[in-house]
Amino acid sequence: MEPYKLYYWPTIQGRGEFVRLALEEADVPYIDVARGKGGMKAMQELIAGGSDIRAAFAPPVLRAGELLIGQTANILMFLGARHGLAPRAEAGRLWCNQLQLTIADIVGEAHDTHHPISVNMYYEEQARESKARARDFATERIPKYLDYFESVLRANHARGGWIVGSRLSYVDLSLFQLLDGLRYAFPKSMEAYEGRWPGLARLSGRVAARPRVAAYLASKRRLPNNEDDVFRHYPELEQGVRVRPRA
């Protein structure tokens, strides 16, 4: 099998990490193109303004033979069907995609806590607005989303403890990544919520313990969280956060 080619920024986890986790769990060969010589130029040719007629708006982009696939959820829907990380039935695949798109929504909101005005401005230029946005995100939005995912997990009565059906799917991998990012960016808030989402906590631990995922997390391929990433830890953004009890 020809290795997949993943095009994503070389110094951050970002949205590309959701794809990397799926590739690692599936145990399929892939090349993280932008981390190699000439990789950034190759990636720029595949995103908006590049030379390819199917240029994606932004990375991540996955090349699978002649296929060129953009958007995280779209890539994962493709990999899920091809590598057993999604149900075979159409309804199950659509349900996975729906959940993944909801994960994309909260990831976007997490990013906007440190860039609430413009991505073309530095964080320091919008720090005041970031405090208000982060306070609302930690107080209102995190529990709204994670309460939802916890309820979905609870409603799945299939054996296995996964969120869709009875087998691990790419959505489980993505929920692990989401929780990991939130714990990094908002450690005090997530600690204050401790015990509110026991199902998600168990799911995250089980994902991290899977042999291929564990090996990846311990490797140099897994980049550390940092303040150039989607999930960023600025201690001042947790000031004034008041965790409310679940209704």
C-alpha atoms as a PDB file:
ATOM      1  CA  MET A   1       0.000   0.000   0.000  1.00  0.00           C
ATOM      2  CA  GLU A   2       1.335   3.414  -0.971  1.00  0.00           C
ATOM      3  CA  PRO A   3       1.798   5.560   2.160  1.00  0.00           C
ATOM      4  CA  TYR A   4      -0.740   8.273   2.764  1.00  0.00           C
ATOM      5  CA  LYS A   5       0.614  11.803   2.644  1.00  0.00           C
ATOM      6  CA  LEU A   6      -0.603  14.104   5.396  1.00  0.00           C
ATOM      7  CA  TYR A   7      -0.116  17.812   4.901  1.00  0.00           C
ATOM      8  CA  TYR A   8      -0.253  19.848   8.087  1.00  0.00           C
ATOM      9  CA  TRP A   9       1.771  22.464   9.953  1.00  0.00           C
ATOM     10  CA  PRO A  10       4.961  20.816  11.243  1.00  0.00           C
ATOM     11  CA  THR A  11       5.275  22.417  14.696  1.00  0.00           C
ATOM     12  CA  ILE A  12       1.815  21.984  16.243  1.00  0.00           C
ATOM     13  CA  GLN A  13      -0.739  19.272  16.954  1.00  0.00           C
ATOM     14  CA  GLY A  14      -3.685  21.362  15.786  1.00  0.00           C
ATOM     15  CA  ARG A  15      -6.496  19.915  13.743  1.00  0.00           C
ATOM     16  CA  GLY A  16      -4.066  17.586  12.020  1.00  0.00           C
ATOM     17  CA  GLU A  17      -3.623  15.639  15.249  1.00  0.00           C
ATOM     18  CA  PHE A  18      -7.120  14.202  14.955  1.00  0.00           C
ATOM     19  CA  VAL A  19      -6.020  12.692  11.639  1.00  0.00           C
ATOM     20  CA  ARG A  20      -2.669  11.494  12.994  1.00  0.00           C
ATOM     21  CA  LEU A  21      -4.373   9.601  15.806  1.00  0.00           C
ATOM     22  CA  ALA A  22      -6.587   7.776  13.321  1.00  0.00           C
ATOM     23  CA  LEU A  23      -3.620   6.877  11.120  1.00  0.00           C
ATOM     24  CA  GLU A  24      -1.629   5.641  14.108  1.00  0.00           C
ATOM     25  CA  GLU A  25      -4.488   3.537  15.477  1.00  0.00           C
ATOM     26  CA  ALA A  26      -5.142   2.076  12.019  1.00  0.00           C
ATOM     27  CA  ASP A  27      -1.430   1.190  11.782  1.00  0.00           C
ATOM     28  CA  VAL A  28      -1.130   2.369   8.198  1.00  0.00           C
ATOM     29  CA  PRO A  29       1.980   3.987   6.711  1.00  0.00           C
ATOM     30  CA  TYR A  30       1.884   7.746   6.233  1.00  0.00           C
ATOM     31  CA  ILE A  31       4.261  10.601   5.615  1.00  0.00           C
ATOM     32  CA  ASP A  32       3.921  13.843   7.583  1.00  0.00           C
ATOM     33  CA  VAL A  33       5.002  15.854   4.563  1.00  0.00           C
ATOM     34  CA  ALA A  34       5.584  19.312   6.024  1.00  0.00           C
ATOM     35  CA  ARG A  35       8.025  17.895   8.563  1.00  0.00           C
ATOM     36  CA  GLY A  36      10.384  16.860   5.755  1.00  0.00           C
ATOM     37  CA  LYS A  37      12.640  18.792   3.416  1.00  0.00           C
ATOM     38  CA  GLY A  38      10.608  20.930   1.029  1.00  0.00           C
ATOM     39  CA  GLY A  39       7.438  19.877   2.795  1.00  0.00           C
ATOM     40  CA  MET A  40       6.093  23.344   3.521  1.00  0.00           C
ATOM     41  CA  LYS A  41       6.297  24.297  -0.141  1.00  0.00           C
ATOM     42  CA  ALA A  42       4.526  21.084  -1.106  1.00  0.00           C
ATOM     43  CA  MET A  43       1.762  21.805   1.387  1.00  0.00           C
ATOM     44  CA  GLN A  44       1.296  25.376   0.221  1.00  0.00           C
ATOM     45  CA  GLU A  45       0.637  24.115  -3.278  1.00  0.00           C
ATOM     46  CA  LEU A  46      -2.337  22.153  -1.947  1.00  0.00           C
ATOM     47  CA  ILE A  47      -4.058  24.904   0.025  1.00  0.00           C
ATOM     48  CA  ALA A  48      -5.876  28.055  -1.019  1.00  0.00           C
ATOM     49  CA  GLY A  49      -3.906  29.948  -3.621  1.00  0.00           C
ATOM     50  CA  GLY A  50      -1.886  26.888  -4.592  1.00  0.00           C
ATOM     51  CA  SER A  51      -1.466  25.311  -7.989  1.00  0.00           C
ATOM     52  CA  ASP A  52      -3.763  22.284  -7.545  1.00  0.00           C
ATOM     53  CA  ILE A  53      -7.276  22.746  -8.948  1.00  0.00           C
ATOM     54  CA  ARG A  54      -8.628  20.933  -5.869  1.00  0.00           C
ATOM     55  CA  ALA A  55      -6.680  23.076  -3.419  1.00  0.00           C
ATOM     56  CA  ALA A  56      -8.131  22.939   0.082  1.00  0.00           C
ATOM     57  CA  PHE A  57      -9.000  26.072   2.009  1.00  0.00           C
ATOM     58  CA  ALA A  58      -6.505  25.131   4.732  1.00  0.00           C
ATOM     59  CA  PRO A  59      -4.683  22.076   6.096  1.00  0.00           C
ATOM     60  CA  PRO A  60      -5.014  19.297   7.049  1.00  0.00           C
ATOM     61  CA  VAL A  61      -5.040  17.671   3.628  1.00  0.00           C
ATOM     62  CA  LEU A  62      -4.647  13.951   2.980  1.00  0.00           C
ATOM     63  CA  ARG A  63      -3.430  12.455  -0.275  1.00  0.00           C
ATOM     64  CA  ALA A  64      -4.558   8.885  -0.829  1.00  0.00           C
ATOM     65  CA  GLY A  65      -3.350   7.812  -4.246  1.00  0.00           C
ATOM     66  CA  GLU A  66      -5.206  10.042  -6.705  1.00  0.00           C
ATOM     67  CA  LEU A  67      -7.568  11.321  -4.016  1.00  0.00           C
ATOM     68  CA  LEU A  68      -6.935  14.660  -2.352  1.00  0.00           C
ATOM     69  CA  ILE A  69      -9.075  15.182   0.731  1.00  0.00           C
ATOM     70  CA  GLY A  70      -9.395  18.301   2.859  1.00  0.00           C
ATOM     71  CA  GLN A  71     -11.202  19.137   6.117  1.00  0.00           C
ATOM     72  CA  THR A  72     -10.586  17.073   9.249  1.00  0.00           C
ATOM     73  CA  ALA A  73     -14.052  15.521   9.466  1.00  0.00           C
ATOM     74  CA  ASN A  74     -14.006  14.668   5.765  1.00  0.00           C
ATOM     75  CA  ILE A  75     -10.609  12.973   6.066  1.00  0.00           C
ATOM     76  CA  LEU A  76     -11.737  10.996   9.095  1.00  0.00           C
ATOM     77  CA  MET A  77     -14.922   9.866   7.388  1.00  0.00           C
ATOM     78  CA  PHE A  78     -12.757   8.503   4.563  1.00  0.00           C
ATOM     79  CA  LEU A  79     -10.254   6.800   6.870  1.00  0.00           C
ATOM     80  CA  GLY A  80     -12.988   5.454   9.108  1.00  0.00           C
ATOM     81  CA  ALA A  81     -14.713   3.644   6.262  1.00  0.00           C
ATOM     82  CA  ARG A  82     -11.468   2.334   4.801  1.00  0.00           C
ATOM     83  CA  HIS A  83      -9.763   1.149   7.999  1.00  0.00           C
ATOM     84  CA  GLY A  84     -12.530  -0.078  10.265  1.00  0.00           C
ATOM     85  CA  LEU A  85     -12.742   3.055  12.400  1.00  0.00           C
ATOM     86  CA  ALA A  86     -16.430   3.616  11.673  1.00  0.00           C
ATOM     87  CA  PRO A  87     -19.513   1.392  11.374  1.00  0.00           C
ATOM     88  CA  ARG A  88     -20.180  -0.292   8.048  1.00  0.00           C
ATOM     89  CA  ALA A  89     -23.809   0.842   7.886  1.00  0.00           C
ATOM     90  CA  GLU A  90     -24.501   4.229   6.348  1.00  0.00           C
ATOM     91  CA  ALA A  91     -26.457   5.414   9.387  1.00  0.00           C
ATOM     92  CA  GLY A  92     -23.503   4.666  11.639  1.00  0.00           C
ATOM     93  CA  ARG A  93     -21.027   6.419   9.364  1.00  0.00           C
ATOM     94  CA  LEU A  94     -23.246   9.500   9.205  1.00  0.00           C
ATOM     95  CA  TRP A  95     -23.619   9.488  12.981  1.00  0.00           C
ATOM     96  CA  CYS A  96     -19.835   9.408  13.366  1.00  0.00           C
ATOM     97  CA  ASN A  97     -19.496  12.290  10.962  1.00  0.00           C
ATOM     98  CA  GLN A  98     -22.153  14.275  12.812  1.00  0.00           C
ATOM     99  CA  LEU A  99     -20.342  13.807  16.117  1.00  0.00           C
ATOM    100  CA  GLN A 100     -17.004  14.711  14.517  1.00  0.00           C
ATOM    101  CA  LEU A 101     -18.469  17.914  13.121  1.00  0.00           C
ATOM    102  CA  THR A 102     -19.694  18.776  16.610  1.00  0.00           C
ATOM    103  CA  ILE A 103     -16.169  18.204  17.905  1.00  0.00           C
ATOM    104  CA  ALA A 104     -14.967  20.565  15.186  1.00  0.00           C
ATOM    105  CA  ASP A 105     -17.361  23.194  16.536  1.00  0.00           C
ATOM    106  CA  ILE A 106     -15.941  23.123  20.056  1.00  0.00           C
ATOM    107  CA  VAL A 107     -12.366  23.043  18.728  1.00  0.00           C
ATOM    108  CA  GLY A 108     -13.146  26.208  16.776  1.00  0.00           C
ATOM    109  CA  GLU A 109     -14.581  27.837  19.891  1.00  0.00           C
ATOM    110  CA  ALA A 110     -11.518  26.817  21.918  1.00  0.00           C
ATOM    111  CA  HIS A 111      -9.301  28.496  19.328  1.00  0.00           C
ATOM    112  CA  ASP A 112     -11.386  31.642  19.483  1.00  0.00           C
ATOM    113  CA  THR A 113     -10.756  32.049  23.205  1.00  0.00           C
ATOM    114  CA  HIS A 114      -7.298  33.364  22.378  1.00  0.00           C
ATOM    115  CA  HIS A 115      -8.190  34.936  19.026  1.00  0.00           C
ATOM    116  CA  PRO A 116     -11.696  36.332  19.498  1.00  0.00           C
ATOM    117  CA  ILE A 117     -11.259  39.342  17.214  1.00  0.00           C
ATOM    118  CA  SER A 118      -9.007  38.249  14.360  1.00  0.00           C
ATOM    119  CA  VAL A 119      -6.570  35.479  13.460  1.00  0.00           C
ATOM    120  CA  ASN A 120      -4.484  38.194  11.821  1.00  0.00           C
ATOM    121  CA  MET A 121      -3.757  39.819  15.192  1.00  0.00           C
ATOM    122  CA  TYR A 122      -1.449  38.578  17.934  1.00  0.00           C
ATOM    123  CA  TYR A 123      -2.993  37.274  21.128  1.00  0.00           C
ATOM    124  CA  GLU A 124      -1.478  40.195  23.032  1.00  0.00           C
ATOM    125  CA  GLU A 125      -3.421  42.610  20.802  1.00  0.00           C
ATOM    126  CA  GLN A 126      -6.745  41.078  21.841  1.00  0.00           C
ATOM    127  CA  ALA A 127      -5.961  39.837  25.338  1.00  0.00           C
ATOM    128  CA  ARG A 128      -8.727  41.858  26.968  1.00  0.00           C
ATOM    129  CA  GLU A 129     -11.365  40.441  24.662  1.00  0.00           C
ATOM    130  CA  SER A 130      -9.843  36.980  25.099  1.00  0.00           C
ATOM    131  CA  LYS A 131     -10.515  37.073  28.842  1.00  0.00           C
ATOM    132  CA  ALA A 132     -14.219  37.643  28.310  1.00  0.00           C
ATOM    133  CA  ARG A 133     -14.421  35.013  25.580  1.00  0.00           C
ATOM    134  CA  ALA A 134     -12.501  32.443  27.624  1.00  0.00           C
ATOM    135  CA  ARG A 135     -14.651  33.069  30.699  1.00  0.00           C
ATOM    136  CA  ASP A 136     -17.792  32.333  28.714  1.00  0.00           C
ATOM    137  CA  PHE A 137     -16.197  29.316  27.030  1.00  0.00           C
ATOM    138  CA  ALA A 138     -15.071  27.712  30.289  1.00  0.00           C
ATOM    139  CA  THR A 139     -18.267  28.543  32.186  1.00  0.00           C
ATOM    140  CA  GLU A 140     -20.900  27.910  29.521  1.00  0.00           C
ATOM    141  CA  ARG A 141     -19.582  26.205  26.414  1.00  0.00           C
ATOM    142  CA  ILE A 142     -17.310  23.466  27.769  1.00  0.00           C
ATOM    143  CA  PRO A 143     -20.059  21.994  29.955  1.00  0.00           C
ATOM    144  CA  LYS A 144     -22.660  22.371  27.214  1.00  0.00           C
ATOM    145  CA  TYR A 145     -20.583  20.347  24.763  1.00  0.00           C
ATOM    146  CA  LEU A 146     -19.216  17.760  27.191  1.00  0.00           C
ATOM    147  CA  ASP A 147     -22.604  17.220  28.820  1.00  0.00           C
ATOM    148  CA  TYR A 148     -23.842  16.415  25.326  1.00  0.00           C
ATOM    149  CA  PHE A 149     -21.066  13.941  24.549  1.00  0.00           C
ATOM    150  CA  GLU A 150     -21.503  12.306  27.958  1.00  0.00           C
ATOM    151  CA  SER A 151     -25.221  11.845  27.259  1.00  0.00           C
ATOM    152  CA  VAL A 152     -24.485  10.339  23.829  1.00  0.00           C
ATOM    153  CA  LEU A 153     -22.024   7.934  25.398  1.00  0.00           C
ATOM    154  CA  ARG A 154     -24.523   6.982  28.097  1.00  0.00           C
ATOM    155  CA  ALA A 155     -27.243   6.385  25.513  1.00  0.00           C
ATOM    156  CA  ASN A 156     -25.110   3.895  23.584  1.00  0.00           C
ATOM    157  CA  HIS A 157     -26.074   0.569  25.143  1.00  0.00           C
ATOM    158  CA  ALA A 158     -23.785  -1.519  22.944  1.00  0.00           C
ATOM    159  CA  ARG A 159     -20.992  -3.373  24.690  1.00  0.00           C
ATOM    160  CA  GLY A 160     -17.542  -1.885  24.721  1.00  0.00           C
ATOM    161  CA  GLY A 161     -18.016   1.534  26.288  1.00  0.00           C
ATOM    162  CA  TRP A 162     -17.359   3.397  23.045  1.00  0.00           C
ATOM    163  CA  ILE A 163     -19.434   6.291  21.775  1.00  0.00           C
ATOM    164  CA  VAL A 164     -20.715   4.655  18.560  1.00  0.00           C
ATOM    165  CA  GLY A 165     -21.617   0.972  18.403  1.00  0.00           C
ATOM    166  CA  SER A 166     -19.540  -1.682  20.131  1.00  0.00           C
ATOM    167  CA  ARG A 167     -16.129  -0.894  18.604  1.00  0.00           C
ATOM    168  CA  LEU A 168     -13.701   1.984  18.815  1.00  0.00           C
ATOM    169  CA  SER A 169     -14.242   4.610  16.116  1.00  0.00           C
ATOM    170  CA  TYR A 170     -12.347   7.696  15.055  1.00  0.00           C
ATOM    171  CA  VAL A 171     -14.788   9.709  17.177  1.00  0.00           C
ATOM    172  CA  ASP A 172     -13.402   8.067  20.329  1.00  0.00           C
ATOM    173  CA  LEU A 173      -9.898   9.042  19.256  1.00  0.00           C
ATOM    174  CA  SER A 174     -11.060  12.602  18.616  1.00  0.00           C
ATOM    175  CA  LEU A 175     -12.783  12.853  22.001  1.00  0.00           C
ATOM    176  CA  PHE A 176      -9.513  11.821  23.628  1.00  0.00           C
ATOM    177  CA  GLN A 177      -7.718  14.584  21.737  1.00  0.00           C
ATOM    178  CA  LEU A 178     -10.389  17.124  22.612  1.00  0.00           C
ATOM    179  CA  LEU A 179     -10.212  16.329  26.326  1.00  0.00           C
ATOM    180  CA  ASP A 180      -6.417  16.383  26.259  1.00  0.00           C
ATOM    181  CA  GLY A 181      -6.463  19.816  24.662  1.00  0.00           C
ATOM    182  CA  LEU A 182      -9.034  21.216  27.087  1.00  0.00           C
ATOM    183  CA  ARG A 183      -7.075  19.920  30.073  1.00  0.00           C
ATOM    184  CA  TYR A 184      -3.984  21.660  28.755  1.00  0.00           C
ATOM    185  CA  ALA A 185      -5.658  24.965  27.926  1.00  0.00           C
ATOM    186  CA  PHE A 186      -7.990  25.170  30.931  1.00  0.00           C
ATOM    187  CA  PRO A 187      -6.455  22.984  33.670  1.00  0.00           C
ATOM    188  CA  LYS A 188      -8.123  24.697  36.642  1.00  0.00           C
ATOM    189  CA  SER A 189     -11.532  24.697  35.024  1.00  0.00           C
ATOM    190  CA  MET A 190     -11.293  21.059  33.942  1.00  0.00           C
ATOM    191  CA  GLU A 191     -10.120  20.086  37.422  1.00  0.00           C
ATOM    192  CA  ALA A 192     -13.122  21.903  38.909  1.00  0.00           C
ATOM    193  CA  TYR A 193     -15.381  19.862  36.629  1.00  0.00           C
ATOM    194  CA  GLU A 194     -13.749  16.628  37.838  1.00  0.00           C
ATOM    195  CA  GLY A 195     -16.301  13.842  38.089  1.00  0.00           C
ATOM    196  CA  ARG A 196     -18.913  15.518  35.914  1.00  0.00           C
ATOM    197  CA  TRP A 197     -18.178  13.371  32.864  1.00  0.00           C
ATOM    198  CA  PRO A 198     -17.137   9.930  34.181  1.00  0.00           C
ATOM    199  CA  GLY A 199     -17.931   8.151  30.922  1.00  0.00           C
ATOM    200  CA  LEU A 200     -15.750  10.484  28.881  1.00  0.00           C
ATOM    201  CA  ALA A 201     -12.959  10.173  31.441  1.00  0.00           C
ATOM    202  CA  ARG A 202     -13.030   6.384  31.158  1.00  0.00           C
ATOM    203  CA  LEU A 203     -13.181   6.553  27.370  1.00  0.00           C
ATOM    204  CA  SER A 204     -10.187   8.905  27.245  1.00  0.00           C
ATOM    205  CA  GLY A 205      -8.150   6.605  29.459  1.00  0.00           C
ATOM    206  CA  ARG A 206      -9.006   3.564  27.373  1.00  0.00           C
ATOM    207  CA  VAL A 207      -7.997   5.333  24.164  1.00  0.00           C
ATOM    208  CA  ALA A 208      -4.675   6.433  25.669  1.00  0.00           C
ATOM    209  CA  ALA A 209      -3.982   2.841  26.768  1.00  0.00           C
ATOM    210  CA  ARG A 210      -4.485   1.276  23.353  1.00  0.00           C
ATOM    211  CA  PRO A 211      -1.084  -0.109  22.302  1.00  0.00           C
ATOM    212  CA  ARG A 212      -0.658   1.847  19.068  1.00  0.00           C
ATOM    213  CA  VAL A 213      -1.964   5.076  20.543  1.00  0.00           C
ATOM    214  CA  ALA A 214       0.188   4.668  23.662  1.00  0.00           C
ATOM    215  CA  ALA A 215       3.275   4.068  21.520  1.00  0.00           C
ATOM    216  CA  TYR A 216       2.502   7.152  19.469  1.00  0.00           C
ATOM    217  CA  LEU A 217       1.920   9.339  22.538  1.00  0.00           C
ATOM    218  CA  ALA A 218       5.298   8.258  23.910  1.00  0.00           C
ATOM    219  CA  SER A 219       7.110   8.925  20.634  1.00  0.00           C
ATOM    220  CA  LYS A 220       8.734  12.051  19.253  1.00  0.00           C
ATOM    221  CA  ARG A 221       6.068  12.146  16.564  1.00  0.00           C
ATOM    222  CA  ARG A 222       3.619  13.370  19.188  1.00  0.00           C
ATOM    223  CA  LEU A 223       4.431  17.048  19.503  1.00  0.00           C
ATOM    224  CA  PRO A 224       3.969  18.733  22.899  1.00  0.00           C
ATOM    225  CA  ASN A 225       1.213  21.262  23.449  1.00  0.00           C
ATOM    226  CA  ASN A 226       2.402  24.804  22.927  1.00  0.00           C
ATOM    227  CA  GLU A 227       1.194  28.380  22.633  1.00  0.00           C
ATOM    228  CA  ASP A 228       1.201  28.406  18.843  1.00  0.00           C
ATOM    229  CA  ASP A 229      -1.445  25.699  18.773  1.00  0.00           C
ATOM    230  CA  VAL A 230      -5.239  25.521  18.730  1.00  0.00           C
ATOM    231  CA  PHE A 231      -5.332  24.718  22.455  1.00  0.00           C
ATOM    232  CA  ARG A 232      -3.211  27.267  24.325  1.00  0.00           C
ATOM    233  CA  HIS A 233      -2.650  27.730  28.037  1.00  0.00           C
ATOM    234  CA  TYR A 234      -2.693  31.341  29.160  1.00  0.00           C
ATOM    235  CA  PRO A 235      -3.233  31.336  32.961  1.00  0.00           C
ATOM    236  CA  GLU A 236      -4.863  34.761  32.857  1.00  0.00           C
ATOM    237  CA  LEU A 237      -7.699  33.376  30.732  1.00  0.00           C
ATOM    238  CA  GLU A 238      -8.935  31.279  33.652  1.00  0.00           C
ATOM    239  CA  GLN A 239      -9.254  34.260  35.975  1.00  0.00           C
ATOM    240  CA  GLY A 240     -12.853  34.903  36.936  1.00  0.00           C
ATOM    241  CA  VAL A 241     -14.110  31.526  35.714  1.00  0.00           C
ATOM    242  CA  ARG A 242     -16.912  30.196  37.922  1.00  0.00           C
ATOM    243  CA  VAL A 243     -17.774  26.564  37.387  1.00  0.00           C
ATOM    244  CA  ARG A 244     -21.499  26.045  37.749  1.00  0.00           C
ATOM    245  CA  PRO A 245     -23.061  22.822  39.018  1.00  0.00           C
ATOM    246  CA  ARG A 246     -24.908  20.711  36.508  1.00  0.00           C
ATOM    247  CA  ALA A 247     -28.596  21.557  36.339  1.00  0.00           C
END
